[in-house]
């Protein structure tokens, strides 16, 4: 029954208008305007890893009980801002690899809904 419900939800989702393609194209244009496009995929991956590290610092600072260096905490961004940086760099990586993220998402999710999810 859960699999059937997943398929129903997924099929309804596919019918809706999606902005991921538009967002990916926007990032491509803005990176070009900022002279930040044209990096090789391995450099984009390094940048993505760096941004994920910055997101981890922001989450650690604001959402965890782990101690942080208070003298440096002002240099750690807000989680919401860092998530956006991760998304921008991820979309840039997709562009450098010529991956349409929305299409890839729909293809992968069509496989995921057929999987059995257990503990």
Protein backbone atom coordinates (compact mmCIF):
# COMPACT_ATOMS: atom_id res chain seq x y z
CA UNK A 1 0.00 0.00 0.00
CA UNK A 2 2.83 2.44 0.86
CA UNK A 3 4.44 1.83 -2.53
CA UNK A 4 1.16 2.63 -4.26
CA UNK A 5 0.85 5.87 -2.27
CA UNK A 6 4.45 6.79 -3.19
CA UNK A 7 3.66 6.31 -6.85
CA UNK A 8 0.52 8.45 -6.59
CA UNK A 9 2.40 11.27 -4.83
CA UNK A 10 5.27 11.06 -7.33
CA UNK A 11 2.96 11.13 -10.35
CA UNK A 12 1.13 14.16 -8.97
CA UNK A 13 4.47 15.87 -8.34
CA UNK A 14 5.60 15.25 -11.93
CA UNK A 15 2.45 16.99 -13.25
CA UNK A 16 3.22 20.23 -11.41
CA UNK A 17 5.26 23.10 -12.74
CA UNK A 18 8.86 22.90 -11.57
CA UNK A 19 11.30 25.73 -11.21
CA UNK A 20 14.46 23.65 -10.83
CA UNK A 21 15.26 23.97 -14.55
CA UNK A 22 14.76 27.74 -14.33
CA UNK A 23 16.88 27.94 -11.19
CA UNK A 24 19.66 25.92 -12.81
CA UNK A 25 19.61 28.21 -15.86
CA UNK A 26 19.58 31.30 -13.62
CA UNK A 27 22.67 30.05 -11.74
CA UNK A 28 24.40 29.35 -15.04
CA UNK A 29 23.71 32.91 -16.22
CA UNK A 30 24.69 34.55 -12.93
CA UNK A 31 27.93 32.59 -12.64
CA UNK A 32 28.81 33.72 -16.15
CA UNK A 33 28.03 37.35 -15.29
CA UNK A 34 30.21 37.05 -12.18
CA UNK A 35 33.05 35.46 -14.18
CA UNK A 36 32.71 32.31 -12.09
CA UNK A 37 31.73 29.78 -14.75
CA UNK A 38 33.83 27.36 -16.66
CA UNK A 39 35.46 25.48 -13.80
CA UNK A 40 36.29 21.84 -14.32
CA UNK A 41 33.98 19.44 -12.45
CA UNK A 42 36.72 18.49 -9.96
CA UNK A 43 37.13 22.15 -9.00
CA UNK A 44 33.37 22.55 -8.66
CA UNK A 45 33.40 19.49 -6.39
CA UNK A 46 36.10 21.06 -4.22
CA UNK A 47 34.00 24.21 -3.95
CA UNK A 48 30.93 22.15 -3.06
CA UNK A 49 32.88 20.36 -0.32
CA UNK A 50 34.02 23.73 1.04
CA UNK A 51 30.46 25.06 1.08
CA UNK A 52 29.21 21.92 2.85
CA UNK A 53 31.91 22.50 5.47
CA UNK A 54 30.68 26.06 5.95
CA UNK A 55 27.12 24.74 6.32
CA UNK A 56 28.35 22.24 8.92
CA UNK A 57 30.00 25.08 10.89
CA UNK A 58 26.79 27.12 10.78
CA UNK A 59 24.71 24.18 11.99
CA UNK A 60 27.24 23.40 14.69
CA UNK A 61 27.16 27.02 15.87
CA UNK A 62 23.39 27.45 15.90
CA UNK A 63 21.86 24.00 16.32
CA UNK A 64 24.19 21.74 18.24
CA UNK A 65 25.52 21.40 21.75
CA UNK A 66 29.10 21.18 20.46
CA UNK A 67 31.32 23.98 21.61
CA UNK A 68 32.66 26.52 19.12
CA UNK A 69 35.38 29.13 19.30
CA UNK A 70 33.33 32.20 20.27
CA UNK A 71 36.04 34.52 18.94
CA UNK A 72 35.47 33.05 15.45
CA UNK A 73 31.72 32.47 15.56
CA UNK A 74 31.01 35.76 13.79
CA UNK A 75 32.84 34.37 10.75
CA UNK A 76 30.41 31.43 10.58
CA UNK A 77 27.40 32.16 8.37
CA UNK A 78 23.77 31.41 9.03
CA UNK A 79 22.57 27.95 8.06
CA UNK A 80 19.97 29.34 5.64
CA UNK A 81 22.62 31.33 3.77
CA UNK A 82 25.03 28.41 3.68
CA UNK A 83 22.34 26.06 2.33
CA UNK A 84 21.80 28.48 -0.55
CA UNK A 85 25.56 28.56 -1.23
CA UNK A 86 25.56 24.75 -1.34
CA UNK A 87 22.64 24.80 -3.81
CA UNK A 88 24.29 27.38 -6.06
CA UNK A 89 27.54 25.44 -6.20
CA UNK A 90 25.68 22.14 -6.70
CA UNK A 91 23.80 23.63 -9.66
CA UNK A 92 27.10 24.95 -11.01
CA UNK A 93 28.55 21.45 -10.71
CA UNK A 94 25.53 20.04 -12.55
CA UNK A 95 26.07 22.60 -15.31
CA UNK A 96 29.75 21.71 -15.61
CA UNK A 97 28.81 18.03 -15.89
CA UNK A 98 25.94 18.82 -18.31
CA UNK A 99 23.42 17.28 -15.91
CA UNK A 100 19.84 18.51 -15.95
CA UNK A 101 19.16 18.17 -12.23
CA UNK A 102 15.38 18.20 -12.52
CA UNK A 103 15.42 15.42 -15.13
CA UNK A 104 17.95 13.43 -13.11
CA UNK A 105 15.85 13.91 -9.96
CA UNK A 106 12.70 12.61 -11.64
CA UNK A 107 14.53 9.61 -13.11
CA UNK A 108 16.12 8.70 -9.77
CA UNK A 109 12.92 9.20 -7.81
CA UNK A 110 11.03 6.94 -10.23
CA UNK A 111 13.49 4.22 -9.14
CA UNK A 112 13.29 5.14 -5.44
CA UNK A 113 9.52 4.69 -5.29
CA UNK A 114 9.94 1.03 -6.24
CA UNK A 115 12.41 0.31 -3.45
CA UNK A 116 11.48 -1.30 -0.15
CA UNK A 117 12.47 0.97 2.75
CA UNK A 118 13.04 -0.81 6.04
CA UNK A 119 15.04 -0.31 9.21
